[in-house]
């Protein structure tokens, strides 16, 4: 299950952000997942429960936002949302398309808590 290693890498980024921002706790993490990213959101949620243990994000919630697959037609220039298994232009029907989005796995936001030391 490579989702565990994905979570570990994501948590390393989150911990670096939390350290930079002098945070005491991570409350929520939002990630964007494209259907062509190779990551299964349900498995990522399960792996996150394991990976977050003992970290600054031990009580954090993981929110996943699914992204659309979007292509640009190299023939007519149209951009359209398509299904993951049918990367065909929605305007002219040509198969020569370029993937614009849908293969991403992005750390979109991190909600932190800071302790006031005044």
N, C-alpha and C. Protein backbone atom coordinates (compact mmCIF):
# COMPACT_ATOMS: atom_id res chain seq x y z
N UNK A 1 0.85 -1.18 0.00
CA UNK A 1 0.00 0.00 0.00
C UNK A 1 0.90 1.24 0.00
N UNK A 2 1.06 1.86 -1.14
CA UNK A 2 1.94 3.03 -1.24
C UNK A 2 1.31 4.28 -0.64
N UNK A 3 0.03 4.23 -0.31
CA UNK A 3 -0.62 5.38 0.33
C UNK A 3 0.04 5.72 1.67
N UNK A 4 0.58 4.73 2.36
CA UNK A 4 1.26 5.00 3.63
C UNK A 4 2.51 5.84 3.40
N UNK A 5 3.29 5.52 2.39
CA UNK A 5 4.48 6.33 2.11
C UNK A 5 4.09 7.72 1.61
N UNK A 6 2.97 7.83 0.89
CA UNK A 6 2.46 9.14 0.47
C UNK A 6 2.10 9.96 1.70
N UNK A 7 1.42 9.35 2.67
CA UNK A 7 1.05 10.04 3.91
C UNK A 7 2.29 10.47 4.70
N UNK A 8 3.27 9.62 4.76
CA UNK A 8 4.49 9.96 5.49
C UNK A 8 5.20 11.16 4.86
N UNK A 9 5.25 11.19 3.54
CA UNK A 9 5.86 12.33 2.84
C UNK A 9 5.03 13.60 3.05
N UNK A 10 3.71 13.47 3.00
CA UNK A 10 2.83 14.61 3.22
C UNK A 10 3.00 15.14 4.65
N UNK A 11 3.07 14.25 5.62
CA UNK A 11 3.22 14.68 7.01
C UNK A 11 4.57 15.33 7.25
N UNK A 12 5.59 14.93 6.52
CA UNK A 12 6.89 15.60 6.64
C UNK A 12 6.76 17.05 6.18
N UNK A 13 6.02 17.28 5.09
CA UNK A 13 5.76 18.65 4.62
C UNK A 13 4.96 19.42 5.66
N UNK A 14 3.92 18.80 6.18
CA UNK A 14 3.06 19.45 7.17
C UNK A 14 3.85 19.81 8.42
N UNK A 15 4.70 18.92 8.88
CA UNK A 15 5.51 19.19 10.07
C UNK A 15 6.48 20.35 9.82
N UNK A 16 7.04 20.43 8.62
CA UNK A 16 7.93 21.55 8.28
C UNK A 16 7.16 22.87 8.29
N UNK A 17 5.94 22.85 7.78
CA UNK A 17 5.09 24.05 7.79
C UNK A 17 4.75 24.43 9.23
N UNK A 18 4.37 23.46 10.02
CA UNK A 18 4.00 23.72 11.42
C UNK A 18 5.18 24.28 12.20
N UNK A 19 6.37 23.75 11.97
CA UNK A 19 7.57 24.25 12.64
C UNK A 19 7.86 25.69 12.23
N UNK A 20 7.77 25.95 10.93
CA UNK A 20 8.02 27.30 10.41
C UNK A 20 7.04 28.32 10.99
N UNK A 21 5.81 27.89 11.21
CA UNK A 21 4.75 28.77 11.72
C UNK A 21 4.62 28.74 13.25
N UNK A 22 5.53 28.04 13.92
CA UNK A 22 5.50 27.91 15.38
C UNK A 22 4.16 27.37 15.89
N UNK A 23 3.65 26.38 15.22
CA UNK A 23 2.36 25.80 15.58
C UNK A 23 2.54 24.74 16.66
N UNK A 24 1.53 24.61 17.49
CA UNK A 24 1.56 23.59 18.53
C UNK A 24 0.80 22.34 18.10
N UNK A 25 -0.10 22.50 17.12
CA UNK A 25 -0.91 21.37 16.69
C UNK A 25 -1.44 21.62 15.28
N UNK A 26 -1.61 20.54 14.53
CA UNK A 26 -2.26 20.61 13.22
C UNK A 26 -3.70 20.14 13.41
N UNK A 27 -4.64 20.96 12.96
CA UNK A 27 -6.07 20.66 13.14
C UNK A 27 -6.64 19.96 11.92
N UNK A 28 -6.31 20.48 10.73
CA UNK A 28 -6.92 19.95 9.51
C UNK A 28 -5.93 20.07 8.35
N UNK A 29 -5.95 19.06 7.50
CA UNK A 29 -5.13 19.03 6.29
C UNK A 29 -6.07 18.79 5.12
N UNK A 30 -5.95 19.61 4.09
CA UNK A 30 -6.77 19.45 2.89
C UNK A 30 -5.85 19.12 1.72
N UNK A 31 -6.18 18.04 1.02
CA UNK A 31 -5.41 17.68 -0.16
C UNK A 31 -6.35 17.52 -1.35
N UNK A 32 -5.83 17.83 -2.54
CA UNK A 32 -6.56 17.65 -3.79
C UNK A 32 -6.00 16.41 -4.48
N UNK A 33 -6.90 15.52 -4.87
CA UNK A 33 -6.50 14.26 -5.50
C UNK A 33 -7.17 14.13 -6.85
N UNK A 34 -6.38 13.94 -7.87
CA UNK A 34 -6.90 13.67 -9.21
C UNK A 34 -7.09 12.18 -9.40
N UNK A 35 -8.07 11.78 -10.20
CA UNK A 35 -8.33 10.35 -10.41
C UNK A 35 -7.16 9.61 -11.07
N UNK A 36 -6.29 10.34 -11.75
CA UNK A 36 -5.16 9.71 -12.42
C UNK A 36 -3.87 9.78 -11.60
N UNK A 37 -3.99 10.18 -10.33
CA UNK A 37 -2.81 10.33 -9.47
C UNK A 37 -2.24 8.99 -9.00
N UNK A 38 -3.03 7.95 -9.07
CA UNK A 38 -2.58 6.65 -8.58
C UNK A 38 -2.81 6.46 -7.09
N UNK A 39 -3.52 7.42 -6.48
CA UNK A 39 -3.81 7.35 -5.05
C UNK A 39 -5.30 7.13 -4.85
N UNK A 40 -5.64 6.16 -4.02
CA UNK A 40 -7.04 5.86 -3.72
C UNK A 40 -7.41 6.62 -2.44
N UNK A 41 -8.35 7.57 -2.53
CA UNK A 41 -8.68 8.41 -1.36
C UNK A 41 -9.04 7.61 -0.10
N UNK A 42 -9.78 6.53 -0.24
CA UNK A 42 -10.18 5.73 0.93
C UNK A 42 -8.96 5.09 1.60
N UNK A 43 -8.04 4.59 0.78
CA UNK A 43 -6.82 3.99 1.33
C UNK A 43 -5.92 5.05 1.95
N UNK A 44 -5.93 6.24 1.37
CA UNK A 44 -5.14 7.34 1.92
C UNK A 44 -5.67 7.72 3.31
N UNK A 45 -6.98 7.75 3.46
CA UNK A 45 -7.58 8.05 4.77
C UNK A 45 -7.15 7.01 5.81
N UNK A 46 -7.18 5.74 5.42
CA UNK A 46 -6.77 4.67 6.34
C UNK A 46 -5.29 4.79 6.70
N UNK A 47 -4.47 5.06 5.71
CA UNK A 47 -3.03 5.20 5.94
C UNK A 47 -2.74 6.42 6.81
N UNK A 48 -3.51 7.48 6.64
CA UNK A 48 -3.31 8.70 7.43
C UNK A 48 -3.51 8.43 8.91
N UNK A 49 -4.49 7.60 9.24
CA UNK A 49 -4.76 7.25 10.64
C UNK A 49 -3.53 6.62 11.28
N UNK A 50 -2.81 5.82 10.51
CA UNK A 50 -1.60 5.16 11.00
C UNK A 50 -0.42 6.14 11.02
N UNK A 51 -0.24 6.86 9.93
CA UNK A 51 0.94 7.72 9.77
C UNK A 51 0.96 8.90 10.73
N UNK A 52 -0.19 9.41 11.11
CA UNK A 52 -0.23 10.61 11.95
C UNK A 52 0.10 10.34 13.42
N UNK A 53 0.06 9.09 13.83
CA UNK A 53 0.30 8.73 15.23
C UNK A 53 1.66 9.25 15.69
N UNK A 54 1.67 9.95 16.81
CA UNK A 54 2.90 10.46 17.39
C UNK A 54 3.45 11.71 16.74
N UNK A 55 2.73 12.26 15.78
CA UNK A 55 3.20 13.47 15.10
C UNK A 55 2.43 14.69 15.60
N UNK A 56 2.82 15.85 15.11
CA UNK A 56 2.12 17.09 15.46
C UNK A 56 0.70 17.09 14.91
N UNK A 57 0.44 16.18 13.97
CA UNK A 57 -0.89 16.05 13.35
C UNK A 57 -1.66 14.85 13.90
N UNK A 58 -1.31 14.42 15.10
CA UNK A 58 -1.91 13.21 15.67
C UNK A 58 -3.43 13.27 15.79
N UNK A 59 -3.97 14.48 15.96
CA UNK A 59 -5.42 14.62 16.09
C UNK A 59 -6.05 15.32 14.88
N UNK A 60 -5.27 15.47 13.83
CA UNK A 60 -5.73 16.21 12.65
C UNK A 60 -6.74 15.43 11.84
N UNK A 61 -7.58 16.20 11.16
CA UNK A 61 -8.55 15.64 10.22
C UNK A 61 -7.95 15.78 8.82
N UNK A 62 -8.09 14.74 8.02
CA UNK A 62 -7.64 14.79 6.63
C UNK A 62 -8.87 14.93 5.74
N UNK A 63 -8.90 16.00 4.97
CA UNK A 63 -10.00 16.25 4.04
C UNK A 63 -9.46 16.08 2.62
N UNK A 64 -10.12 15.23 1.85
CA UNK A 64 -9.70 15.02 0.47
C UNK A 64 -10.72 15.64 -0.47
N UNK A 65 -10.23 16.38 -1.44
CA UNK A 65 -11.07 17.00 -2.46
C UNK A 65 -10.71 16.37 -3.80
N UNK A 66 -11.68 15.72 -4.41
CA UNK A 66 -11.43 15.07 -5.68
C UNK A 66 -11.45 16.09 -6.81
N UNK A 67 -10.48 15.99 -7.70
CA UNK A 67 -10.35 16.91 -8.83
C UNK A 67 -10.85 16.26 -10.12
N UNK A 68 -11.23 17.07 -11.07
CA UNK A 68 -11.69 16.61 -12.37
C UNK A 68 -10.49 16.32 -13.28
N UNK A 69 -10.69 15.42 -14.22
CA UNK A 69 -9.72 15.22 -15.28
C UNK A 69 -10.07 16.23 -16.37
N UNK A 70 -9.10 17.04 -16.76
CA UNK A 70 -9.31 18.09 -17.75
C UNK A 70 -8.25 17.98 -18.83
N UNK A 71 -8.70 18.09 -20.09
CA UNK A 71 -7.78 17.98 -21.22
C UNK A 71 -7.94 19.19 -22.14
N UNK A 72 -6.88 19.44 -22.92
CA UNK A 72 -6.90 20.45 -23.99
C UNK A 72 -6.69 19.71 -25.30
N UNK A 73 -7.58 19.97 -26.25
CA UNK A 73 -7.50 19.33 -27.55
C UNK A 73 -6.39 19.98 -28.38
N UNK A 74 -5.52 19.15 -28.93
CA UNK A 74 -4.44 19.66 -29.76
C UNK A 74 -4.93 19.97 -31.17
N UNK A 75 -6.12 19.52 -31.50
CA UNK A 75 -6.69 19.76 -32.82
C UNK A 75 -7.48 21.08 -32.86
N UNK A 76 -8.43 21.25 -31.94
CA UNK A 76 -9.30 22.44 -31.98
C UNK A 76 -9.03 23.43 -30.85
N UNK A 77 -8.23 23.04 -29.85
CA UNK A 77 -7.88 23.94 -28.76
C UNK A 77 -8.87 24.00 -27.61
N UNK A 78 -9.95 23.25 -27.70
CA UNK A 78 -10.97 23.27 -26.64
C UNK A 78 -10.42 22.63 -25.36
N UNK A 79 -10.89 23.12 -24.22
CA UNK A 79 -10.58 22.52 -22.93
C UNK A 79 -11.87 21.96 -22.35
N UNK A 80 -11.82 20.73 -21.85
CA UNK A 80 -13.03 20.14 -21.29
C UNK A 80 -12.71 19.13 -20.20
N UNK A 81 -13.69 18.96 -19.31
CA UNK A 81 -13.62 17.93 -18.30
C UNK A 81 -14.04 16.62 -18.94
N UNK A 82 -13.28 15.57 -18.68
CA UNK A 82 -13.54 14.26 -19.28
C UNK A 82 -13.47 13.19 -18.19
N UNK A 83 -13.85 11.99 -18.55
CA UNK A 83 -13.72 10.89 -17.59
C UNK A 83 -12.29 10.33 -17.67
N UNK A 84 -11.87 9.70 -16.62
CA UNK A 84 -10.49 9.22 -16.50
C UNK A 84 -10.13 8.19 -17.57
N UNK A 85 -11.10 7.48 -18.08
CA UNK A 85 -10.81 6.45 -19.08
C UNK A 85 -11.23 6.85 -20.50
N UNK A 86 -11.53 8.13 -20.70
CA UNK A 86 -11.95 8.61 -22.02
C UNK A 86 -11.44 10.03 -22.22
N UNK A 87 -10.18 10.15 -22.59
CA UNK A 87 -9.52 11.45 -22.71
C UNK A 87 -9.69 12.02 -24.13
N UNK A 88 -10.94 12.13 -24.54
CA UNK A 88 -11.29 12.59 -25.89
C UNK A 88 -11.91 13.98 -25.81
N UNK A 89 -11.60 14.82 -26.81
CA UNK A 89 -12.14 16.18 -26.86
C UNK A 89 -13.67 16.16 -26.88
N UNK A 90 -14.27 16.98 -26.03
CA UNK A 90 -15.73 17.03 -25.96
C UNK A 90 -16.32 17.89 -27.10
N UNK A 91 -15.51 18.68 -27.77
CA UNK A 91 -15.97 19.53 -28.89
C UNK A 91 -15.92 18.79 -30.22
N UNK A 92 -14.72 18.32 -30.59
CA UNK A 92 -14.55 17.74 -31.93
C UNK A 92 -14.40 16.22 -31.92
N UNK A 93 -14.22 15.63 -30.73
CA UNK A 93 -14.10 14.19 -30.62
C UNK A 93 -12.72 13.63 -30.93
N UNK A 94 -11.74 14.50 -31.13
CA UNK A 94 -10.38 14.05 -31.46
C UNK A 94 -9.72 13.41 -30.23
N UNK A 95 -8.88 12.43 -30.50
CA UNK A 95 -8.20 11.73 -29.41
C UNK A 95 -6.88 12.37 -29.03
N UNK A 96 -6.40 13.33 -29.81
CA UNK A 96 -5.11 13.96 -29.53
C UNK A 96 -5.31 15.10 -28.54
N UNK A 97 -5.28 14.75 -27.28
CA UNK A 97 -5.49 15.72 -26.21
C UNK A 97 -4.29 15.75 -25.29
N UNK A 98 -4.18 16.84 -24.57
CA UNK A 98 -3.11 17.01 -23.59
C UNK A 98 -3.75 17.12 -22.21
N UNK A 99 -3.24 16.38 -21.27
CA UNK A 99 -3.78 16.40 -19.92
C UNK A 99 -3.41 17.72 -19.24
N UNK A 100 -4.41 18.43 -18.72
CA UNK A 100 -4.19 19.68 -18.00
C UNK A 100 -4.22 19.43 -16.50
N UNK A 101 -5.18 18.64 -16.06
CA UNK A 101 -5.27 18.31 -14.64
C UNK A 101 -5.96 16.96 -14.48
N UNK A 102 -5.81 16.42 -13.29
CA UNK A 102 -6.42 15.13 -12.99
C UNK A 102 -5.42 14.11 -12.51
N UNK A 103 -4.12 14.45 -12.61
CA UNK A 103 -3.09 13.52 -12.15
C UNK A 103 -2.36 14.06 -10.92
N UNK A 104 -2.94 15.11 -10.31
CA UNK A 104 -2.25 15.76 -9.20
C UNK A 104 -2.60 15.16 -7.83
N UNK A 105 -1.67 15.38 -6.93
CA UNK A 105 -1.85 15.11 -5.51
C UNK A 105 -1.22 16.31 -4.83
N UNK A 106 -2.05 17.26 -4.42
CA UNK A 106 -1.55 18.54 -3.91
C UNK A 106 -1.95 18.77 -2.46
N UNK A 107 -1.01 19.25 -1.69
CA UNK A 107 -1.30 19.71 -0.34
C UNK A 107 -1.89 21.10 -0.48
N UNK A 108 -3.19 21.22 -0.31
CA UNK A 108 -3.89 22.48 -0.59
C UNK A 108 -3.86 23.44 0.59
N UNK A 109 -4.10 22.93 1.81
CA UNK A 109 -4.06 23.81 2.97
C UNK A 109 -3.83 23.02 4.25
N UNK A 110 -3.32 23.74 5.24
CA UNK A 110 -3.05 23.16 6.56
C UNK A 110 -3.59 24.14 7.60
N UNK A 111 -4.45 23.67 8.47
CA UNK A 111 -4.98 24.50 9.55
C UNK A 111 -4.21 24.18 10.83
N UNK A 112 -3.66 25.22 11.44
CA UNK A 112 -2.77 25.06 12.59
C UNK A 112 -3.32 25.76 13.82
N UNK A 113 -2.82 25.35 14.97
CA UNK A 113 -3.08 26.04 16.23
C UNK A 113 -1.74 26.50 16.80
N UNK A 114 -1.72 27.74 17.25
CA UNK A 114 -0.53 28.28 17.90
C UNK A 114 -0.83 28.53 19.35
N UNK A 115 0.16 28.29 20.19
CA UNK A 115 0.02 28.64 21.61
C UNK A 115 0.54 30.04 21.80
N UNK A 116 -0.23 30.87 22.47
CA UNK A 116 0.21 32.23 22.77
C UNK A 116 1.15 32.19 23.97
N UNK A 117 2.32 32.72 23.77
CA UNK A 117 3.33 32.75 24.85
C UNK A 117 3.56 34.17 25.34
N UNK A 118 2.51 34.95 25.44
CA UNK A 118 2.64 36.34 25.88
C UNK A 118 2.78 36.44 27.38
